[in-house]
Amino acid sequence: MHRLQILQVQKCHEEFEKAMALGQYDKARLIALRCSELLRNLASENLDLSHILLEEAKKWEDKARNIRKKKEARNEYFDRLKVLIKKSTVTWNDIGGLKEAKKLIAQAVGLSIAKSPIDPPQGILLFGPPGTGKSLLASATANSLNATFFSVKASDLLSKYFGESSKLVSALFSLARQLSPSVIFIDEVDSLTMKRSSLDDAARRMIGTLLAEIDGFKDKRRKVIVLTATNTPWDLDEAMLSRLPIRIYVPLPDIPSAVEIFRIHLRGIPHEVSLNKLAKEAVKKLYSGREIANVVKLATMKMLEEMNPELVDPLRVATLKGKDLTTRPLTMDDFRYAMAKIKSPITKSDVKKYEKWAKEFGI
């Protein structure tokens, strides 16, 4: 067999797999027919192997005929994935601090939706400690663009059935293109793309499909932005990192950011406290935005319990039905109580590890 012809068949096979992964069925059908034609030509020139080559050519013709069936089967996955579409109501003003992260996301998104002289980044990685606002940033991005928002966790795409995870990934990106402009937010992306040496064949195949999908975002008419998030960026597969060139560190809040976060969560709640003092204590305790939100909630619950004893009395709690709870402004004592209860899962050594990774791989 001629080496050039063999390479053509191999390339044809790769193009077919990629087209199928991207949901380009008409293109995949033409590629399958071209593969068949190449194999028949090889068979006519290599009589000793003609029976094997003709059998392979027939397989490609069968693939071309079965593509319509595959297309219909894909609709089943579409129905399963539509539950991942969320209505985002988060605005940029709902996120305290993170000015640098917001700026970098806005820049990357702007390149994706505008007529830019350069190709936009293929994907964005948000990394940092848990609870720092990575999901909120993705939600605000979708809301600001009035885009279809797919909120995806690893468990939504992982399946115990061989090959199904790859099909779910392909269907997700195909549906996003159909409903563009879209934002696909993949949380816990490290669970999907851990270093491939530690994964089985099915997981590696799924990762390969995910990488092909991200590579396939070349159609400027269909705006799809891929945002991913992880608390452990050092666990990500190298090939995935190369497709997420915009790597944005989402750190724990500093004092000004903590003040903003407290102000956001105290909207509509009367209080007689110094937000600056609360922010300093929150930074000292290594609180994320999530811990700050929990502190406000716990302080408010303490106040409500004090003003409404029925809340903690099983025999009297039913009397509260339809009743307006008695309130008073929150005080520093309420917050001292809450902060004594809320512990941060992050240590100073964890922060140093994130900062080191950000310095080496972030932007």
Protein backbone atom coordinates (compact mmCIF):
# COMPACT_ATOMS: atom_id res chain seq x y z
CA MET A 1 0.00 0.00 0.00
CA HIS A 2 1.18 3.50 -0.69
CA ARG A 3 2.12 5.36 2.47
CA LEU A 4 0.38 8.55 1.27
CA GLN A 5 -2.90 6.71 0.77
CA ILE A 6 -2.65 5.12 4.21
CA LEU A 7 -2.13 8.55 5.76
CA GLN A 8 -5.14 9.85 3.83
CA VAL A 9 -7.32 7.11 5.30
CA GLN A 10 -6.04 7.83 8.82
CA LYS A 11 -6.70 11.56 8.39
CA CYS A 12 -10.14 10.80 7.02
CA HIS A 13 -10.93 8.72 10.11
CA GLU A 14 -9.80 11.53 12.45
CA GLU A 15 -11.90 14.09 10.57
CA PHE A 16 -14.93 11.80 10.78
CA GLU A 17 -14.60 11.36 14.57
CA LYS A 18 -14.23 15.10 15.08
CA ALA A 19 -17.22 15.93 12.88
CA MET A 20 -19.37 13.44 14.78
CA ALA A 21 -18.19 14.84 18.13
CA LEU A 22 -19.20 18.33 17.00
CA GLY A 23 -22.58 17.20 15.71
CA GLN A 24 -21.67 18.02 12.08
CA TYR A 25 -23.60 15.08 10.64
CA ASP A 26 -23.78 16.10 7.00
CA LYS A 27 -20.04 16.71 6.97
CA ALA A 28 -19.41 13.38 8.73
CA ARG A 29 -21.49 11.54 6.12
CA LEU A 30 -19.42 12.99 3.27
CA ILE A 31 -16.20 12.10 5.09
CA ALA A 32 -17.41 8.51 5.60
CA LEU A 33 -18.14 8.18 1.89
CA ARG A 34 -14.71 9.60 1.07
CA CYS A 35 -13.11 7.02 3.38
CA SER A 36 -14.97 4.28 1.58
CA GLU A 37 -13.81 5.58 -1.79
CA LEU A 38 -10.17 5.75 -0.64
CA LEU A 39 -10.33 2.18 0.62
CA ARG A 40 -11.86 0.92 -2.64
CA ASN A 41 -9.09 2.63 -4.59
CA LEU A 42 -6.52 0.96 -2.36
CA ALA A 43 -8.23 -2.40 -2.88
CA SER A 44 -7.92 -2.07 -6.68
CA GLU A 45 -4.18 -1.46 -6.33
CA ASN A 46 -3.48 -4.12 -3.68
CA LEU A 47 -5.17 -7.32 -4.81
CA ASP A 48 -3.67 -9.41 -2.01
CA LEU A 49 -5.47 -7.31 0.59
CA SER A 50 -8.47 -6.35 -1.50
CA HIS A 51 -10.96 -8.48 0.46
CA ILE A 52 -9.95 -6.80 3.75
CA LEU A 53 -9.97 -3.30 2.23
CA LEU A 54 -13.36 -3.83 0.55
CA GLU A 55 -14.80 -5.03 3.84
CA GLU A 56 -13.53 -1.86 5.53
CA ALA A 57 -14.96 0.25 2.70
CA LYS A 58 -18.36 -1.37 3.24
CA LYS A 59 -18.17 -0.52 6.96
CA TRP A 60 -17.67 3.13 6.08
CA GLU A 61 -20.65 3.04 3.74
CA ASP A 62 -22.71 1.57 6.58
CA LYS A 63 -21.53 4.40 8.84
CA ALA A 64 -22.67 6.95 6.27
CA ARG A 65 -26.13 5.32 6.16
CA ASN A 66 -26.40 5.15 9.95
CA ILE A 67 -25.57 8.79 10.60
CA ARG A 68 -29.23 9.82 10.38
CA LYS A 69 -30.06 7.27 13.07
CA LYS A 70 -27.32 8.68 15.28
CA LYS A 71 -28.70 12.16 14.76
CA GLU A 72 -32.13 11.04 15.93
CA ALA A 73 -30.63 9.27 18.93
CA ARG A 74 -28.85 12.49 19.92
CA ASN A 75 -32.25 14.07 20.66
CA GLU A 76 -32.56 11.78 23.69
CA TYR A 77 -29.46 13.39 25.19
CA PHE A 78 -30.74 16.86 24.35
CA ASP A 79 -33.79 16.22 26.54
CA ARG A 80 -31.56 15.12 29.42
CA LEU A 81 -29.31 18.15 29.08
CA LYS A 82 -32.04 20.77 28.87
CA VAL A 83 -32.46 20.51 32.66
CA LEU A 84 -28.99 22.05 32.95
CA ILE A 85 -30.20 25.31 31.42
CA LYS A 86 -30.55 27.85 34.22
CA LYS A 87 -32.01 31.34 34.23
CA SER A 88 -29.27 33.60 35.52
CA THR A 89 -30.40 36.60 37.55
CA VAL A 90 -26.96 37.43 38.97
CA THR A 91 -25.56 40.81 37.97
CA TRP A 92 -22.03 42.15 38.29
CA ASN A 93 -23.25 44.34 41.16
CA ASP A 94 -24.18 41.20 43.11
CA ILE A 95 -20.52 40.21 43.29
CA GLY A 96 -18.36 42.02 45.83
CA GLY A 97 -14.76 42.76 44.89
CA LEU A 98 -12.97 40.61 42.29
CA LYS A 99 -12.36 43.66 40.08
CA GLU A 100 -9.39 42.07 38.32
CA ALA A 101 -11.30 38.84 37.63
CA LYS A 102 -14.27 40.80 36.28
CA LYS A 103 -11.99 42.83 34.02
CA LEU A 104 -10.26 39.76 32.59
CA ILE A 105 -13.55 37.94 31.98
CA ALA A 106 -15.03 41.01 30.29
CA GLN A 107 -12.01 41.24 28.01
CA ALA A 108 -12.16 37.56 27.04
CA VAL A 109 -15.92 37.68 26.47
CA GLY A 110 -15.61 40.89 24.46
CA LEU A 111 -13.15 39.23 22.08
CA SER A 112 -15.61 36.34 21.65
CA ILE A 113 -18.67 38.42 20.77
CA ALA A 114 -17.11 41.33 18.87
CA LYS A 115 -15.55 41.40 15.39
CA SER A 116 -12.02 41.02 16.64
CA PRO A 117 -8.85 41.00 14.50
CA ILE A 118 -7.62 38.03 16.57
CA ASP A 119 -9.20 34.71 17.44
CA PRO A 120 -10.86 34.77 20.88
CA PRO A 121 -9.58 32.46 23.64
CA GLN A 122 -11.03 28.96 23.44
CA GLY A 123 -11.96 28.81 27.10
CA ILE A 124 -11.60 30.41 30.50
CA LEU A 125 -10.52 28.75 33.73
CA LEU A 126 -11.53 30.26 37.07
CA PHE A 127 -9.47 28.83 39.91
CA GLY A 128 -9.11 29.54 43.59
CA PRO A 129 -10.33 28.50 47.05
CA PRO A 130 -13.91 27.22 47.41
CA GLY A 131 -16.61 29.82 47.95
CA THR A 132 -14.81 32.77 46.37
CA GLY A 133 -17.41 33.51 43.69
CA LYS A 134 -16.42 31.46 40.63
CA SER A 135 -19.99 30.30 39.99
CA LEU A 136 -21.32 33.83 40.51
CA LEU A 137 -18.88 35.19 37.92
CA ALA A 138 -20.13 32.64 35.38
CA SER A 139 -23.77 33.46 36.17
CA ALA A 140 -23.17 37.19 35.82
CA THR A 141 -21.41 36.62 32.49
CA ALA A 142 -24.43 34.75 31.12
CA ASN A 143 -26.87 37.32 32.46
CA SER A 144 -24.95 40.27 31.02
CA LEU A 145 -25.05 38.66 27.56
CA ASN A 146 -28.66 37.49 27.87
CA ALA A 147 -27.23 34.11 26.91
CA THR A 148 -28.44 30.55 27.41
CA PHE A 149 -26.69 29.44 30.60
CA PHE A 150 -25.68 25.80 31.01
CA SER A 151 -24.62 25.13 34.60
CA VAL A 152 -22.82 21.79 34.51
CA LYS A 153 -21.26 19.69 37.26
CA ALA A 154 -19.08 16.66 36.68
CA SER A 155 -21.84 14.33 37.84
CA ASP A 156 -24.11 15.62 35.05
CA LEU A 157 -21.79 14.24 32.38
CA LEU A 158 -20.31 11.14 33.99
CA SER A 159 -22.10 7.86 33.28
CA LYS A 160 -21.52 4.27 34.31
CA TYR A 161 -22.33 3.13 30.76
CA PHE A 162 -19.39 2.86 28.38
CA GLY A 163 -19.27 5.65 25.82
CA GLU A 164 -22.28 7.53 27.19
CA SER A 165 -20.21 10.28 28.85
CA SER A 166 -18.66 11.14 25.48
CA LYS A 167 -22.09 11.31 23.89
CA LEU A 168 -23.38 13.58 26.65
CA VAL A 169 -20.43 15.95 26.18
CA SER A 170 -20.99 16.10 22.42
CA ALA A 171 -24.72 16.67 22.87
CA LEU A 172 -24.09 19.45 25.40
CA PHE A 173 -21.90 21.44 23.03
CA SER A 174 -24.17 20.75 20.07
CA LEU A 175 -27.19 22.03 22.01
CA ALA A 176 -25.23 25.09 23.13
CA ARG A 177 -24.45 25.94 19.52
CA GLN A 178 -28.11 25.58 18.57
CA LEU A 179 -29.18 27.88 21.42
CA SER A 180 -26.35 30.41 21.02
CA PRO A 181 -25.35 32.82 22.36
CA SER A 182 -24.58 30.38 25.15
CA VAL A 183 -22.35 30.15 28.19
CA ILE A 184 -21.30 26.66 29.23
CA PHE A 185 -20.10 26.72 32.82
CA ILE A 186 -18.40 23.50 33.91
CA ASP A 187 -17.90 23.45 37.67
CA GLU A 188 -15.47 20.99 39.27
CA VAL A 189 -13.82 20.58 35.87
CA ASP A 190 -10.94 18.78 37.57
CA SER A 191 -13.33 15.84 38.17
CA LEU A 192 -13.76 15.52 34.40
CA THR A 193 -10.20 16.16 33.30
CA MET A 194 -7.81 14.75 35.86
CA LYS A 195 -4.46 13.62 34.49
CA ARG A 196 -5.24 10.93 31.96
CA SER A 197 -2.61 8.49 33.21
CA SER A 198 -4.88 7.81 36.22
CA LEU A 199 -8.09 7.25 34.19
CA ASP A 200 -9.67 4.31 32.41
CA ASP A 201 -10.35 4.11 28.65
CA ALA A 202 -13.93 5.43 28.90
CA ALA A 203 -12.84 8.49 30.89
CA ARG A 204 -9.97 9.20 28.49
CA ARG A 205 -12.38 8.96 25.57
CA MET A 206 -14.72 11.43 27.26
CA ILE A 207 -11.84 13.85 27.85
CA GLY A 208 -10.82 13.51 24.21
CA THR A 209 -14.36 14.44 23.16
CA LEU A 210 -14.36 17.45 25.50
CA LEU A 211 -11.05 18.67 24.08
CA ALA A 212 -12.33 18.21 20.52
CA GLU A 213 -15.47 20.20 21.34
CA ILE A 214 -13.51 23.13 22.73
CA ASP A 215 -11.22 23.02 19.69
CA GLY A 216 -14.28 23.06 17.47
CA PHE A 217 -15.43 26.57 18.42
CA LYS A 218 -14.44 28.20 15.15
CA ASP A 219 -17.88 29.19 13.86
CA LYS A 220 -18.13 32.92 14.62
CA ARG A 221 -21.83 32.92 13.79
CA ARG A 222 -22.59 30.79 16.84
CA LYS A 223 -21.33 32.38 20.02
CA VAL A 224 -20.50 29.81 22.70
CA ILE A 225 -18.31 30.77 25.65
CA VAL A 226 -16.78 28.03 27.81
CA LEU A 227 -16.17 28.92 31.45
CA THR A 228 -14.72 26.32 33.79
CA ALA A 229 -13.96 26.37 37.51
CA THR A 230 -11.84 24.33 39.87
CA ASN A 231 -10.58 24.42 43.44
CA THR A 232 -7.61 22.21 42.50
CA PRO A 233 -6.05 23.55 39.27
CA TRP A 234 -2.91 21.46 39.77
CA ASP A 235 -4.96 18.30 39.12
CA LEU A 236 -6.00 19.33 35.61
CA ASP A 237 -4.92 17.44 32.52
CA GLU A 238 -2.19 19.31 30.61
CA ALA A 239 -4.12 19.11 27.35
CA MET A 240 -7.12 20.75 28.99
CA LEU A 241 -4.97 23.52 30.45
CA SER A 242 -3.66 24.33 26.98
CA ARG A 243 -7.25 24.87 25.82
CA LEU A 244 -8.01 27.18 28.73
CA PRO A 245 -5.43 29.91 28.10
CA ILE A 246 -7.27 32.52 30.17
CA ARG A 247 -6.63 31.28 33.71
CA ILE A 248 -8.04 33.70 36.26
CA TYR A 249 -7.23 33.53 39.95
CA VAL A 250 -10.30 34.15 42.12
CA PRO A 251 -8.77 34.81 45.55
CA LEU A 252 -10.14 35.22 49.05
CA PRO A 253 -11.51 38.75 49.56
CA ASP A 254 -9.31 41.56 50.86
CA ILE A 255 -10.74 44.14 53.26
CA PRO A 256 -12.41 46.42 50.65
CA SER A 257 -13.90 43.37 48.91
CA ALA A 258 -15.12 41.93 52.21
CA VAL A 259 -16.84 45.25 52.99
CA GLU A 260 -18.66 45.02 49.62
CA ILE A 261 -19.68 41.42 50.26
CA PHE A 262 -21.06 42.23 53.71
CA ARG A 263 -22.97 45.18 52.23
CA ILE A 264 -24.49 42.96 49.52
CA HIS A 265 -25.68 40.31 51.98
CA LEU A 266 -27.00 42.91 54.43
CA ARG A 267 -29.30 44.50 51.86
CA GLY A 268 -32.67 45.07 53.48
CA ILE A 269 -31.43 43.98 56.93
CA PRO A 270 -31.18 46.76 59.53
CA HIS A 271 -27.80 46.75 61.30
CA GLU A 272 -25.74 48.86 63.68
CA VAL A 273 -22.25 47.57 62.94
CA SER A 274 -19.01 48.75 61.39
CA LEU A 275 -18.62 46.91 58.09
CA ASN A 276 -14.92 47.78 58.11
CA LYS A 277 -14.42 46.02 61.47
CA LEU A 278 -16.35 43.00 60.23
CA ALA A 279 -14.30 42.92 57.03
CA LYS A 280 -10.98 43.04 58.93
CA GLU A 281 -12.07 40.13 61.10
CA ALA A 282 -13.28 38.18 58.05
CA VAL A 283 -9.93 38.63 56.27
CA LYS A 284 -8.08 37.64 59.45
CA LYS A 285 -10.14 34.43 59.61
CA LEU A 286 -9.50 33.69 55.89
CA TYR A 287 -13.20 33.84 55.06
CA SER A 288 -14.37 33.44 51.48
CA GLY A 289 -17.47 35.19 50.17
CA ARG A 290 -19.45 32.07 51.06
CA GLU A 291 -18.33 32.19 54.70
CA ILE A 292 -19.23 35.88 54.88
CA ALA A 293 -22.72 35.07 53.55
CA ASN A 294 -23.04 32.32 56.17
CA VAL A 295 -21.94 34.70 58.94
CA VAL A 296 -24.65 37.20 57.97
CA LYS A 297 -27.23 34.41 57.85
CA LEU A 298 -26.21 32.98 61.23
CA ALA A 299 -26.13 36.43 62.87
CA THR A 300 -29.61 37.13 61.52
CA MET A 301 -30.89 33.77 62.77
CA LYS A 302 -29.52 34.54 66.25
CA MET A 303 -31.35 37.88 66.25
CA LEU A 304 -34.62 36.30 65.06
CA GLU A 305 -34.38 33.52 67.64
CA GLU A 306 -33.87 36.09 70.41
CA MET A 307 -36.81 38.21 69.26
CA ASN A 308 -39.08 35.23 68.45
CA PRO A 309 -38.64 32.43 71.04
CA GLU A 310 -41.30 30.38 69.25
CA LEU A 311 -38.76 29.64 66.50
CA VAL A 312 -36.96 27.10 68.69
CA ASP A 313 -39.96 25.75 70.55
CA PRO A 314 -41.44 22.70 68.74
CA LEU A 315 -44.72 23.13 70.64
CA ARG A 316 -45.17 26.79 69.63
CA VAL A 317 -43.54 27.01 66.21
CA ALA A 318 -46.86 26.34 64.45
CA THR A 319 -48.21 29.61 65.88
CA LEU A 320 -45.84 31.53 63.58
CA LYS A 321 -47.77 30.57 60.45
CA GLY A 322 -48.50 33.74 58.49
CA LYS A 323 -47.04 35.94 61.23
CA ASP A 324 -44.45 38.68 60.64
CA LEU A 325 -41.36 37.92 62.72
CA THR A 326 -40.25 40.53 65.23
CA THR A 327 -36.87 42.02 64.36
CA ARG A 328 -34.24 44.46 65.60
CA PRO A 329 -31.05 45.81 64.01
CA LEU A 330 -28.11 43.41 63.97
CA THR A 331 -25.33 44.24 66.43
CA MET A 332 -21.66 43.34 66.78
CA ASP A 333 -22.63 40.75 69.41
CA ASP A 334 -24.68 38.92 66.77
CA PHE A 335 -21.69 38.85 64.45
CA ARG A 336 -19.23 37.82 67.18
CA TYR A 337 -21.50 34.86 67.90
CA ALA A 338 -21.68 33.94 64.20
CA MET A 339 -17.94 34.32 63.58
CA ALA A 340 -17.18 32.08 66.53
CA LYS A 341 -19.27 29.38 64.86
CA ILE A 342 -18.14 29.76 61.22
CA LYS A 343 -14.71 28.30 60.45
CA SER A 344 -12.84 28.70 57.19
CA PRO A 345 -11.67 25.47 55.51
CA ILE A 346 -8.74 27.39 54.01
CA THR A 347 -5.34 27.67 55.70
CA LYS A 348 -2.48 30.08 55.06
CA SER A 349 -0.52 27.27 53.40
CA ASP A 350 -3.47 26.68 51.04
CA VAL A 351 -3.45 30.36 50.06
CA LYS A 352 0.29 30.20 49.34
CA LYS A 353 -0.26 27.14 47.15
CA TYR A 354 -2.92 28.98 45.10
CA GLU A 355 -0.74 32.07 44.80
CA LYS A 356 2.21 29.97 43.63
CA TRP A 357 0.12 28.23 40.95
CA ALA A 358 -1.36 31.58 39.87
CA LYS A 359 2.12 33.03 39.49
CA GLU A 360 3.28 30.08 37.37
CA PHE A 361 0.19 29.43 35.22
CA GLY A 362 -2.35 32.22 35.67
CA ILE A 363 -2.63 35.56 33.91
